[in-house]
């Protein structure tokens, strides 16, 4: 499993390259779009990494299967 820091650094690297190209070409609109997309993708990726970490710890603590854990997450996130 890849470490959290490495995954987030890869995400930043991808966006940094695109942002630098937009800055070099003077495309301010693209730079703004990339900043927003980066923040959104970073947040979503951190949430997914948190879920990954939960699955890595939860089986030992609860003894539940992955399907049982998914069902528990579904129940937690269901709108009432």
N, C-alpha and C. Protein backbone atom coordinates (compact mmCIF):
# COMPACT_ATOMS: atom_id res chain seq x y z
N UNK A 1 0.84 -1.16 0.00
CA UNK A 1 0.00 0.00 0.00
C UNK A 1 0.90 1.24 0.00
N UNK A 2 0.60 2.18 -0.89
CA UNK A 2 1.42 3.40 -0.97
C UNK A 2 1.12 4.33 0.20
N UNK A 3 2.13 4.99 0.72
CA UNK A 3 1.91 5.91 1.84
C UNK A 3 1.09 7.13 1.42
N UNK A 4 0.32 7.63 2.37
CA UNK A 4 -0.53 8.81 2.16
C UNK A 4 0.26 9.99 1.60
N UNK A 5 1.42 10.27 2.19
CA UNK A 5 2.22 11.42 1.76
C UNK A 5 2.64 11.30 0.30
N UNK A 6 3.00 10.10 -0.12
CA UNK A 6 3.42 9.89 -1.50
C UNK A 6 2.26 10.11 -2.47
N UNK A 7 1.08 9.63 -2.11
CA UNK A 7 -0.10 9.79 -2.96
C UNK A 7 -0.44 11.27 -3.11
N UNK A 8 -0.46 11.99 -1.98
CA UNK A 8 -0.78 13.42 -2.03
C UNK A 8 0.29 14.21 -2.77
N UNK A 9 1.55 13.80 -2.64
CA UNK A 9 2.63 14.47 -3.38
C UNK A 9 2.48 14.25 -4.88
N UNK A 10 2.06 13.06 -5.28
CA UNK A 10 1.82 12.78 -6.70
C UNK A 10 0.70 13.66 -7.24
N UNK A 11 -0.37 13.80 -6.47
CA UNK A 11 -1.48 14.66 -6.88
C UNK A 11 -0.98 16.10 -7.06
N UNK A 12 -0.22 16.59 -6.09
CA UNK A 12 0.30 17.96 -6.18
C UNK A 12 1.20 18.12 -7.39
N UNK A 13 2.04 17.14 -7.66
CA UNK A 13 2.95 17.20 -8.79
C UNK A 13 2.20 17.32 -10.11
N UNK A 14 1.14 16.55 -10.25
CA UNK A 14 0.34 16.59 -11.48
C UNK A 14 -0.25 17.97 -11.68
N UNK A 15 -0.85 18.51 -10.63
CA UNK A 15 -1.47 19.83 -10.74
C UNK A 15 -0.41 20.92 -10.89
N UNK A 16 0.71 20.79 -10.21
CA UNK A 16 1.78 21.81 -10.29
C UNK A 16 2.26 21.96 -11.72
N UNK A 17 2.46 20.84 -12.43
CA UNK A 17 2.92 20.90 -13.82
C UNK A 17 1.91 21.66 -14.70
N UNK A 18 0.64 21.34 -14.54
CA UNK A 18 -0.39 22.01 -15.33
C UNK A 18 -0.50 23.48 -14.96
N UNK A 19 -0.40 23.77 -13.67
CA UNK A 19 -0.48 25.15 -13.20
C UNK A 19 0.68 25.97 -13.75
N UNK A 20 1.87 25.41 -13.72
CA UNK A 20 3.04 26.12 -14.25
C UNK A 20 2.91 26.39 -15.74
N UNK A 21 2.37 25.43 -16.48
CA UNK A 21 2.15 25.66 -17.93
C UNK A 21 1.14 26.78 -18.14
N UNK A 22 0.07 26.79 -17.35
CA UNK A 22 -0.94 27.84 -17.48
C UNK A 22 -0.35 29.20 -17.12
N UNK A 23 0.48 29.25 -16.09
CA UNK A 23 1.10 30.51 -15.68
C UNK A 23 2.05 31.01 -16.77
N UNK A 24 2.82 30.09 -17.35
CA UNK A 24 3.76 30.47 -18.41
C UNK A 24 3.02 31.04 -19.61
N UNK A 25 1.88 30.47 -19.93
CA UNK A 25 1.11 30.96 -21.08
C UNK A 25 0.21 32.15 -20.72
N UNK A 26 0.18 32.53 -19.45
CA UNK A 26 -0.61 33.68 -19.04
C UNK A 26 -2.10 33.41 -18.98
N UNK A 27 -2.49 32.16 -18.84
CA UNK A 27 -3.90 31.78 -18.81
C UNK A 27 -4.43 31.82 -17.37
N UNK A 28 -4.85 33.02 -16.94
CA UNK A 28 -5.32 33.20 -15.57
C UNK A 28 -6.56 32.37 -15.25
N UNK A 29 -7.45 32.25 -16.21
CA UNK A 29 -8.67 31.45 -15.99
C UNK A 29 -8.35 30.00 -15.73
N UNK A 30 -7.41 29.47 -16.49
CA UNK A 30 -6.99 28.08 -16.30
C UNK A 30 -6.33 27.89 -14.94
N UNK A 31 -5.55 28.88 -14.51
CA UNK A 31 -4.90 28.79 -13.21
C UNK A 31 -5.93 28.73 -12.08
N UNK A 32 -6.96 29.55 -12.18
CA UNK A 32 -8.02 29.54 -11.18
C UNK A 32 -8.75 28.21 -11.18
N UNK A 33 -9.05 27.70 -12.38
CA UNK A 33 -9.72 26.39 -12.49
C UNK A 33 -8.88 25.28 -11.88
N UNK A 34 -7.58 25.32 -12.13
CA UNK A 34 -6.68 24.29 -11.60
C UNK A 34 -6.59 24.37 -10.08
N UNK A 35 -6.57 25.56 -9.52
CA UNK A 35 -6.54 25.71 -8.06
C UNK A 35 -7.78 25.09 -7.43
N UNK A 36 -8.94 25.38 -8.02
CA UNK A 36 -10.19 24.84 -7.50
C UNK A 36 -10.23 23.32 -7.63
N UNK A 37 -9.83 22.83 -8.79
CA UNK A 37 -9.84 21.38 -9.03
C UNK A 37 -8.88 20.67 -8.09
N UNK A 38 -7.73 21.28 -7.84
CA UNK A 38 -6.75 20.67 -6.94
C UNK A 38 -7.33 20.55 -5.53
N UNK A 39 -7.93 21.62 -5.03
CA UNK A 39 -8.50 21.59 -3.68
C UNK A 39 -9.60 20.53 -3.57
N UNK A 40 -10.45 20.46 -4.60
CA UNK A 40 -11.53 19.46 -4.61
C UNK A 40 -10.96 18.05 -4.64
N UNK A 41 -10.03 17.81 -5.54
CA UNK A 41 -9.45 16.47 -5.67
C UNK A 41 -8.65 16.08 -4.43
N UNK A 42 -7.97 17.04 -3.82
CA UNK A 42 -7.21 16.75 -2.61
C UNK A 42 -8.16 16.32 -1.48
N UNK A 43 -9.27 17.05 -1.33
CA UNK A 43 -10.23 16.70 -0.30
C UNK A 43 -10.83 15.32 -0.54
N UNK A 44 -11.23 15.05 -1.78
CA UNK A 44 -11.80 13.74 -2.10
C UNK A 44 -10.79 12.62 -1.87
N UNK A 45 -9.55 12.85 -2.25
CA UNK A 45 -8.51 11.84 -2.08
C UNK A 45 -8.24 11.59 -0.60
N UNK A 46 -8.23 12.66 0.20
CA UNK A 46 -8.00 12.48 1.64
C UNK A 46 -9.14 11.68 2.27
N UNK A 47 -10.36 11.90 1.83
CA UNK A 47 -11.50 11.12 2.33
C UNK A 47 -11.32 9.65 1.96
N UNK A 48 -10.96 9.39 0.72
CA UNK A 48 -10.75 8.00 0.29
C UNK A 48 -9.61 7.35 1.07
N UNK A 49 -8.56 8.10 1.33
CA UNK A 49 -7.44 7.55 2.11
C UNK A 49 -7.87 7.28 3.55
N UNK A 50 -8.72 8.14 4.11
CA UNK A 50 -9.25 7.88 5.45
C UNK A 50 -10.06 6.59 5.47
N UNK A 51 -10.87 6.37 4.44
CA UNK A 51 -11.66 5.14 4.36
C UNK A 51 -10.73 3.94 4.22
N UNK A 52 -9.70 4.08 3.39
CA UNK A 52 -8.71 3.00 3.25
C UNK A 52 -8.08 2.67 4.59
N UNK A 53 -7.73 3.71 5.34
CA UNK A 53 -7.11 3.49 6.65
C UNK A 53 -8.08 2.81 7.61
N UNK A 54 -9.35 3.18 7.53
CA UNK A 54 -10.35 2.53 8.38
C UNK A 54 -10.45 1.04 8.07
N UNK A 55 -10.44 0.70 6.80
CA UNK A 55 -10.52 -0.71 6.42
C UNK A 55 -9.28 -1.47 6.86
N UNK A 56 -8.15 -0.80 6.91
CA UNK A 56 -6.91 -1.46 7.32
C UNK A 56 -6.92 -1.78 8.81
N UNK A 57 -7.59 -0.95 9.61
CA UNK A 57 -7.61 -1.11 11.06
C UNK A 57 -8.85 -1.86 11.53
N UNK A 58 -9.97 -1.59 10.94
CA UNK A 58 -11.25 -2.12 11.41
C UNK A 58 -11.35 -3.64 11.47
N UNK A 59 -10.84 -4.41 10.50
CA UNK A 59 -11.01 -5.86 10.61
C UNK A 59 -10.38 -6.44 11.87
N UNK A 60 -9.23 -5.97 12.24
CA UNK A 60 -8.59 -6.48 13.44
C UNK A 60 -9.36 -6.08 14.69
N UNK A 61 -9.93 -4.88 14.66
CA UNK A 61 -10.64 -4.39 15.84
C UNK A 61 -12.04 -4.99 15.96
N UNK A 62 -12.73 -5.12 14.83
CA UNK A 62 -14.13 -5.55 14.89
C UNK A 62 -14.33 -7.00 14.48
N UNK A 63 -13.40 -7.55 13.73
CA UNK A 63 -13.56 -8.90 13.25
C UNK A 63 -14.54 -9.00 12.09
N UNK A 64 -15.07 -7.87 11.61
CA UNK A 64 -16.04 -7.88 10.53
C UNK A 64 -15.39 -8.03 9.17
N UNK A 65 -16.16 -8.56 8.24
CA UNK A 65 -15.67 -8.70 6.88
C UNK A 65 -15.75 -7.36 6.16
N UNK A 66 -15.13 -7.29 4.99
CA UNK A 66 -15.17 -6.05 4.20
C UNK A 66 -16.60 -5.70 3.83
N UNK A 67 -17.42 -6.71 3.51
CA UNK A 67 -18.82 -6.44 3.17
C UNK A 67 -19.58 -5.87 4.36
N UNK A 68 -19.32 -6.38 5.54
CA UNK A 68 -19.97 -5.84 6.74
C UNK A 68 -19.53 -4.41 7.00
N UNK A 69 -18.28 -4.12 6.74
CA UNK A 69 -17.78 -2.76 6.92
C UNK A 69 -18.41 -1.81 5.90
N UNK A 70 -18.53 -2.26 4.66
CA UNK A 70 -19.19 -1.44 3.64
C UNK A 70 -20.64 -1.16 4.02
N UNK A 71 -21.31 -2.15 4.52
CA UNK A 71 -22.70 -1.96 4.97
C UNK A 71 -22.76 -0.95 6.11
N UNK A 72 -21.81 -0.99 7.01
CA UNK A 72 -21.79 -0.03 8.12
C UNK A 72 -21.56 1.38 7.60
N UNK A 73 -20.68 1.55 6.62
CA UNK A 73 -20.45 2.87 6.02
C UNK A 73 -21.71 3.34 5.30
N UNK A 74 -22.37 2.43 4.59
CA UNK A 74 -23.61 2.79 3.90
C UNK A 74 -24.65 3.29 4.88
N UNK A 75 -24.78 2.61 6.00
CA UNK A 75 -25.76 3.03 7.02
C UNK A 75 -25.40 4.40 7.59
N UNK A 76 -24.12 4.63 7.79
CA UNK A 76 -23.68 5.93 8.33
C UNK A 76 -23.92 7.08 7.38
N UNK A 77 -23.78 6.82 6.08
CA UNK A 77 -23.88 7.90 5.10
C UNK A 77 -25.26 8.05 4.49
N UNK A 78 -26.16 7.16 4.81
CA UNK A 78 -27.51 7.22 4.23
C UNK A 78 -28.24 8.46 4.75
N UNK A 79 -28.86 9.16 3.82
CA UNK A 79 -29.66 10.33 4.21
C UNK A 79 -30.97 9.86 4.80
N UNK A 80 -31.36 10.49 5.84
CA UNK A 80 -32.61 10.11 6.49
C UNK A 80 -33.70 11.08 6.18
